[in-house]
Protein backbone atom coordinates (compact mmCIF):
# COMPACT_ATOMS: atom_id res chain seq x y z
CA UNK A 1 2.78 8.31 27.36
CA UNK A 2 2.40 4.67 26.39
CA UNK A 3 3.96 2.98 23.41
CA UNK A 4 0.79 3.16 21.37
CA UNK A 5 0.64 6.94 21.66
CA UNK A 6 4.23 7.63 20.64
CA UNK A 7 3.83 6.80 16.92
CA UNK A 8 0.61 8.82 16.83
CA UNK A 9 2.30 11.89 18.34
CA UNK A 10 5.09 11.55 15.79
CA UNK A 11 2.56 11.23 12.98
CA UNK A 12 0.73 14.37 14.16
CA UNK A 13 3.99 16.32 14.31
CA UNK A 14 4.90 15.09 10.83
CA UNK A 15 1.53 16.20 9.44
CA UNK A 16 1.85 19.65 11.01
CA UNK A 17 5.45 19.86 9.78
CA UNK A 18 4.30 19.13 6.23
CA UNK A 19 1.65 21.85 6.49
CA UNK A 20 4.22 24.29 7.86
CA UNK A 21 6.45 23.68 4.84
CA UNK A 22 3.49 24.19 2.49
CA UNK A 23 2.94 27.50 4.26
CA UNK A 24 6.33 28.74 3.03
CA UNK A 25 5.31 28.63 -0.65
CA UNK A 26 3.68 32.06 -0.71
CA UNK A 27 6.68 33.76 0.87
CA UNK A 28 9.06 31.89 -1.45
CA UNK A 29 7.13 33.09 -4.50
CA UNK A 30 6.99 36.65 -3.13
CA UNK A 31 10.78 36.64 -2.82
CA UNK A 32 11.16 35.17 -6.31
CA UNK A 33 11.35 37.06 -9.60
CA UNK A 34 8.40 39.24 -10.58
CA UNK A 35 8.37 37.74 -14.07
CA UNK A 36 7.40 34.28 -12.83
CA UNK A 37 3.80 33.20 -13.28
CA UNK A 38 2.01 30.92 -10.77
CA UNK A 39 1.10 28.26 -13.34
CA UNK A 40 4.63 27.57 -14.51
CA UNK A 41 5.99 27.86 -10.97
CA UNK A 42 3.45 25.30 -9.77
CA UNK A 43 4.26 22.89 -12.59
CA UNK A 44 8.02 23.24 -12.06
CA UNK A 45 7.52 22.66 -8.34
CA UNK A 46 5.57 19.43 -8.85
CA UNK A 47 8.02 18.10 -11.46
CA UNK A 48 11.07 18.76 -9.28
CA UNK A 49 9.27 17.43 -6.22
CA UNK A 50 8.35 14.27 -8.10
CA UNK A 51 12.02 13.75 -9.07
CA UNK A 52 13.05 14.13 -5.41
CA UNK A 53 10.42 11.64 -4.26
CA UNK A 54 11.31 9.13 -6.98
CA UNK A 55 14.99 9.28 -5.98
CA UNK A 56 14.10 8.82 -2.31
CA UNK A 57 11.85 5.88 -3.13
CA UNK A 58 14.64 4.32 -5.23
CA UNK A 59 17.15 4.77 -2.40
CA UNK A 60 14.72 3.22 0.05
CA UNK A 61 14.20 0.22 -2.20
CA UNK A 62 17.97 -0.39 -2.34
CA UNK A 63 18.46 -0.48 1.41
CA UNK A 64 18.97 -3.74 3.24
CA UNK A 65 15.92 -5.93 2.83
CA UNK A 66 13.35 -5.57 5.55
CA UNK A 67 10.45 -7.89 6.39
CA UNK A 68 7.49 -7.14 4.15
CA UNK A 69 4.56 -5.88 6.15
CA UNK A 70 1.41 -7.94 5.93
CA UNK A 71 -1.59 -5.82 5.02
CA UNK A 72 -3.32 -6.90 8.22
CA UNK A 73 -0.47 -5.76 10.48
CA UNK A 74 -0.49 -2.38 12.22
CA UNK A 75 0.39 0.63 10.08
CA UNK A 76 2.37 3.42 11.71
CA UNK A 77 1.66 2.21 15.22
CA UNK A 78 -2.12 2.00 14.86
CA UNK A 79 -4.20 -1.09 14.42
CA UNK A 80 -6.02 -1.46 11.10
CA UNK A 81 -9.76 -1.88 11.59
CA UNK A 82 -11.22 -4.92 9.88
CA UNK A 83 -13.42 -2.64 7.76
CA UNK A 84 -10.32 -1.28 5.99
CA UNK A 85 -9.43 -4.82 4.91
CA UNK A 86 -12.97 -5.75 3.99
CA UNK A 87 -13.19 -6.24 0.20
CA UNK A 88 -16.72 -4.85 0.28
CA UNK A 89 -15.32 -1.42 1.22
CA UNK A 90 -15.31 0.67 -1.96
CA UNK A 91 -11.59 1.43 -2.16
CA UNK A 92 -10.70 -2.10 -1.10
CA UNK A 93 -11.75 -3.32 -4.54
CA UNK A 94 -9.62 -0.91 -6.57
CA UNK A 95 -6.27 -2.16 -7.96
CA UNK A 96 -3.23 -0.34 -6.61
CA UNK A 97 -2.34 1.04 -10.04
CA UNK A 98 -5.80 2.61 -10.30
CA UNK A 99 -5.35 4.26 -6.92
CA UNK A 100 -1.97 5.65 -8.03
CA UNK A 101 -3.47 7.03 -11.24
CA UNK A 102 -6.44 8.58 -9.45
CA UNK A 103 -4.18 10.09 -6.81
CA UNK A 104 -1.80 11.45 -9.45
CA UNK A 105 -4.67 13.04 -11.37
CA UNK A 106 -5.82 14.65 -8.12
CA UNK A 107 -2.29 16.03 -7.49
CA UNK A 108 -2.30 17.72 -10.91
CA UNK A 109 -5.91 18.87 -10.54
CA UNK A 110 -5.15 20.52 -7.21
CA UNK A 111 -2.48 22.73 -8.78
CA UNK A 112 -4.70 23.76 -11.70
CA UNK A 113 -7.81 24.35 -9.60
CA UNK A 114 -6.07 26.20 -6.80
CA UNK A 115 -4.29 28.67 -9.08
CA UNK A 116 -7.49 29.28 -11.07
CA UNK A 117 -9.41 29.72 -7.84
CA UNK A 118 -7.12 32.38 -6.37
CA UNK A 119 -6.84 34.14 -9.74
CA UNK A 120 -10.61 34.46 -10.20
CA UNK A 121 -11.92 34.71 -6.63
CA UNK A 122 -8.93 36.37 -5.00
CA UNK A 123 -6.16 34.88 -2.90
CA UNK A 124 -8.06 35.09 0.38
CA UNK A 125 -11.39 33.71 -0.82
CA UNK A 126 -9.79 31.00 -2.96
CA UNK A 127 -7.51 29.87 -0.14
CA UNK A 128 -10.25 29.81 2.49
CA UNK A 129 -12.65 27.86 0.25
CA UNK A 130 -10.00 25.31 -0.72
CA UNK A 131 -8.67 24.86 2.83
CA UNK A 132 -12.15 24.83 4.31
CA UNK A 133 -13.49 22.18 1.94
CA UNK A 134 -10.43 19.88 2.08
CA UNK A 135 -10.87 18.51 5.64
CA UNK A 136 -14.61 18.03 5.22
CA UNK A 137 -14.22 16.32 1.86
CA UNK A 138 -11.42 14.13 3.20
CA UNK A 139 -13.54 13.12 6.18
CA UNK A 140 -16.44 12.14 3.92
CA UNK A 141 -14.25 10.30 1.40
CA UNK A 142 -12.49 8.59 4.29
CA UNK A 143 -15.70 6.71 4.91
CA UNK A 144 -14.86 4.77 1.72
CA UNK A 145 -11.93 3.38 3.71
CA UNK A 146 -14.13 2.51 6.65
CA UNK A 147 -12.98 5.55 8.66
CA UNK A 148 -15.60 7.17 10.85
CA UNK A 149 -15.21 10.85 11.78
CA UNK A 150 -15.35 11.43 15.53
CA UNK A 151 -16.94 14.22 17.53
CA UNK A 152 -13.47 15.41 18.52
CA UNK A 153 -12.45 15.63 14.85
CA UNK A 154 -15.64 17.51 13.92
CA UNK A 155 -15.23 20.00 16.77
CA UNK A 156 -11.54 20.62 16.15
CA UNK A 157 -12.00 20.91 12.38
CA UNK A 158 -14.88 23.37 12.74
CA UNK A 159 -12.78 25.44 15.13
CA UNK A 160 -9.79 25.42 12.79
CA UNK A 161 -11.91 26.49 9.80
CA UNK A 162 -13.40 29.35 11.86
CA UNK A 163 -9.87 30.32 12.85
CA UNK A 164 -8.79 30.42 9.19
CA UNK A 165 -11.80 32.62 8.37
CA UNK A 166 -10.82 35.04 11.18
CA UNK A 167 -7.21 34.96 10.05
CA UNK A 168 -8.14 35.92 6.48
CA UNK A 169 -10.75 38.47 7.51
CA UNK A 170 -8.15 40.16 9.68
CA UNK A 171 -5.71 40.35 6.80
CA UNK A 172 -8.05 42.67 4.89
CA UNK A 173 -7.46 40.85 1.61
CA UNK A 174 -11.02 39.75 0.90
CA UNK A 175 -11.86 41.05 -2.53
CA UNK A 176 -14.52 40.95 -5.18
CA UNK A 177 -14.15 40.77 -8.91
CA UNK A 178 -15.38 39.25 -12.12
CA UNK A 179 -15.42 35.52 -12.38
CA UNK A 180 -15.78 35.04 -8.61
CA UNK A 181 -18.24 32.16 -9.11
CA UNK A 182 -15.76 30.39 -11.40
CA UNK A 183 -13.01 31.01 -8.88
CA UNK A 184 -15.04 29.60 -6.01
CA UNK A 185 -15.92 26.54 -8.08
CA UNK A 186 -12.25 26.02 -8.88
CA UNK A 187 -11.32 26.41 -5.20
CA UNK A 188 -13.93 23.80 -4.35
CA UNK A 189 -12.27 21.57 -6.93
CA UNK A 190 -8.91 22.15 -5.24
CA UNK A 191 -10.32 21.08 -1.88
CA UNK A 192 -11.83 17.96 -3.42
CA UNK A 193 -8.58 17.22 -5.25
CA UNK A 194 -6.61 17.43 -2.01
CA UNK A 195 -9.06 14.99 -0.45
CA UNK A 196 -8.71 12.72 -3.48
CA UNK A 197 -4.96 12.26 -3.35
CA UNK A 198 -4.97 12.08 0.45
CA UNK A 199 -7.49 9.23 0.44
CA UNK A 200 -5.71 7.44 -2.42
CA UNK A 201 -2.43 7.64 -0.53
CA UNK A 202 -4.01 6.45 2.72
CA UNK A 203 -5.64 3.50 0.93
CA UNK A 204 -2.29 2.43 -0.54
CA UNK A 205 -0.54 2.78 2.80
CA UNK A 206 -3.17 0.65 4.51
CA UNK A 207 -2.56 -2.05 1.91
CA UNK A 208 1.12 -2.23 2.82
CA UNK A 209 2.67 -0.07 0.08
CA UNK A 210 5.75 1.90 1.17
CA UNK A 211 4.97 5.53 1.91
CA UNK A 212 7.85 6.77 -0.25
CA UNK A 213 6.67 4.62 -3.16
CA UNK A 214 3.14 5.98 -2.75
CA UNK A 215 4.25 9.62 -2.85
CA UNK A 216 6.67 9.00 -5.72
CA UNK A 217 3.95 7.31 -7.75
CA UNK A 218 1.32 9.97 -7.18
CA UNK A 219 3.64 12.86 -7.93
CA UNK A 220 5.19 11.16 -10.96
CA UNK A 221 1.71 10.91 -12.50
CA UNK A 222 0.94 14.50 -11.52
CA UNK A 223 4.23 15.72 -13.00
CA UNK A 224 3.58 13.96 -16.31
CA UNK A 225 0.17 15.63 -16.54
CA UNK A 226 1.54 19.11 -15.73
CA UNK A 227 4.72 18.92 -17.83
CA UNK A 228 3.03 20.10 -21.09
CA UNK A 229 2.20 23.45 -19.45
CA UNK A 230 5.92 24.26 -19.34
CA UNK A 231 6.14 23.91 -23.12
CA UNK A 232 3.96 26.98 -23.63
CA UNK A 233 5.16 29.01 -20.63
CA UNK A 234 7.79 31.74 -20.48
CA UNK A 235 10.53 30.21 -18.33
CA UNK A 236 12.92 33.14 -18.50
CA UNK A 237 12.53 33.62 -14.75
CA UNK A 238 14.10 30.20 -14.18
CA UNK A 239 17.47 31.46 -15.46
CA UNK A 240 17.71 34.07 -12.70
CA UNK A 241 19.33 33.38 -9.33
CA UNK A 242 16.18 34.21 -7.37
CA UNK A 243 14.07 32.09 -9.73
CA UNK A 244 16.36 29.09 -9.40
CA UNK A 245 16.50 29.38 -5.60
CA UNK A 246 12.72 29.72 -5.48
CA UNK A 247 12.01 26.60 -7.52
CA UNK A 248 14.65 24.61 -5.61
CA UNK A 249 12.99 25.52 -2.32
CA UNK A 250 9.50 24.84 -3.63
CA UNK A 251 10.44 21.55 -5.28
CA UNK A 252 12.95 20.03 -2.86
CA UNK A 253 11.71 21.36 0.49
CA UNK A 254 8.09 22.49 0.14
CA UNK A 255 7.20 19.46 -1.99
CA UNK A 256 9.81 16.69 -1.67
CA UNK A 257 10.50 16.97 2.07
CA UNK A 258 6.97 18.04 2.95
CA UNK A 259 5.45 14.95 1.36
CA UNK A 260 7.94 12.71 3.11
CA UNK A 261 6.45 14.14 6.31
CA UNK A 262 2.94 13.94 4.87
CA UNK A 263 3.18 10.20 4.20
CA UNK A 264 4.55 9.73 7.72
CA UNK A 265 1.45 11.48 9.06
CA UNK A 266 -0.86 9.40 6.88
CA UNK A 267 0.83 6.20 8.02
CA UNK A 268 -0.20 6.78 11.62
CA UNK A 269 -3.40 8.85 11.49
CA UNK A 270 -6.77 8.75 9.69
CA UNK A 271 -6.87 10.77 6.49
CA UNK A 272 -9.46 13.16 7.95
CA UNK A 273 -7.19 14.02 10.88
CA UNK A 274 -4.19 14.66 8.63
CA UNK A 275 -6.30 16.90 6.40
CA UNK A 276 -7.46 18.93 9.38
CA UNK A 277 -3.93 19.25 10.75
CA UNK A 278 -2.96 20.71 7.37
CA UNK A 279 -4.83 23.86 8.40
CA UNK A 280 -1.56 24.82 10.08
CA UNK A 281 -0.50 25.94 6.58
CA UNK A 282 -2.19 29.39 6.57
CA UNK A 283 -0.89 30.06 10.09
CA UNK A 284 2.67 29.50 8.89
CA UNK A 285 2.05 31.58 5.79
CA UNK A 286 0.67 34.47 7.84
CA UNK A 287 3.51 34.43 10.37
CA UNK A 288 6.10 34.36 7.59
CA UNK A 289 4.34 37.26 5.93
CA UNK A 290 4.74 39.27 9.12
CA UNK A 291 8.32 38.24 9.96
CA UNK A 292 9.84 38.05 6.47
CA UNK A 293 7.71 40.32 4.30
CA UNK A 294 6.87 42.93 6.93
CA UNK A 295 3.11 42.49 6.66
CA UNK A 296 0.80 43.80 9.40
CA UNK A 297 -0.67 41.39 11.96
CA UNK A 298 -4.09 42.63 13.11
CA UNK A 299 -5.85 41.63 16.32
CA UNK A 300 -8.41 39.63 14.31
CA UNK A 301 -5.66 37.76 12.47
CA UNK A 302 -3.90 36.99 15.73
CA UNK A 303 -7.18 35.71 17.16
CA UNK A 304 -7.58 33.46 14.12
CA UNK A 305 -4.07 32.06 14.57
CA UNK A 306 -4.76 31.27 18.23
CA UNK A 307 -8.09 29.59 17.38
CA UNK A 308 -6.43 27.43 14.72
CA UNK A 309 -3.58 26.53 17.08
CA UNK A 310 -5.96 25.52 19.89
CA UNK A 311 -8.10 23.50 17.47
CA UNK A 312 -5.08 21.63 16.12
CA UNK A 313 -3.91 20.98 19.67
CA UNK A 314 -7.31 19.51 20.50
CA UNK A 315 -7.08 17.27 17.46
CA UNK A 316 -3.50 16.21 18.17
CA UNK A 317 -4.21 15.26 21.80
CA UNK A 318 -4.17 11.52 21.91
CA UNK A 319 -7.41 9.80 22.77
CA UNK A 320 -7.41 6.30 24.27
CA UNK A 321 -4.96 4.21 22.29
CA UNK A 322 -5.37 0.74 20.91
CA UNK A 323 -3.01 -1.58 22.76
CA UNK A 324 0.08 -2.48 20.76
CA UNK A 325 1.68 -5.88 21.21
CA UNK A 326 4.91 -5.64 23.23
CA UNK A 327 8.10 -5.76 21.21
CA UNK A 328 10.23 -8.92 21.45
CA UNK A 329 12.93 -8.73 24.10
C-alpha cells in the first residue's frame, strides 16, 4: 500500500465506523424506557451531540497552533480537483456561514422527516426509502462540488441498496397502513436531508475549515431548531436510569463520536462514497438485534448482509491513487 492509499483506507474505515455507531441507535432505544417517544429522544440526542461536538471543536482550537491549510492543498490525503476550487461551481460561490446554516437545517430536517417516515410508512419501508435515496441524492448533489460518480461507485451502491432491500424483506417487518404515501414522502425527505448536510460539510472541508468546527456548526444549528420540541414533550423518561443511559449513549457515542468519524471520512473521500459506506448502518442494526435483542436472522436477511458487506468492500477497495508529494525528511 502506498502513502496515497493509507489516508483513504483510514477515511473509509472512519466512515464505516460512523455508520456502525448509527446502527446502535435502534437497539439503544429498544433497551430504553417504554415511555420515551422517538421525537423527544431524537431532539435530546442532537442537542447533547451538538454540545459534545462544540466542546471538541473548542478543545481543538486551543491546541498548539498548527499551520493553516491552504484551500488548494490536499485534504485528507487526496488531491483537490481544480473544479472544486473553481468559483463557477455552484457551492463554490456560497459563503461559509450559508453552508453551515443550510447544513444545520438539513440535520434538523433529517430527524423530523425520518421519524415521520417510519411512523407513517413503517420502520422497514421508511428506513429502506431513506437509506436508499441518501447515496443517490448525495452522488447527484456532489456534482455541485465538481465530483463525478464513477462506475465502481454506481455498481457498489446499487449492490448495497439491493442488499438492504433483501435484509429488510428477510426481517418480515414490511407493513402497510394509513398515511403510507406521507410516510414515503417524509422518508424521501430524510434521504435528501442526509445528502444536504453531507454535501454542505464536504464543501466546507474542501475550503479548509476544520472538520470538528464543521460538525459543531452544523449540529449547533440543528440543535437550536429542534430544541423547541422538548418544551412540549413529556420528558419524564429522562429521569429514569435507563432513559439517562440511553440519551448519553445516543448523544455522546452515536452522535458525538460518530460524527467525529464521519468528518474524518468526508475529509478523505468524496461525499457520494461516504454516503454509500453509510449503508453499513442497517447491517449493524440487524446484527445487534440478533445478538442483543434475540431477534431471528433469516436466510434472506443473512444474504442481504453479505451483499451489503461485499458491496461496501468493493467501494472501499482503493483504485489508482493520486501521487502525494513525499514528506520532508
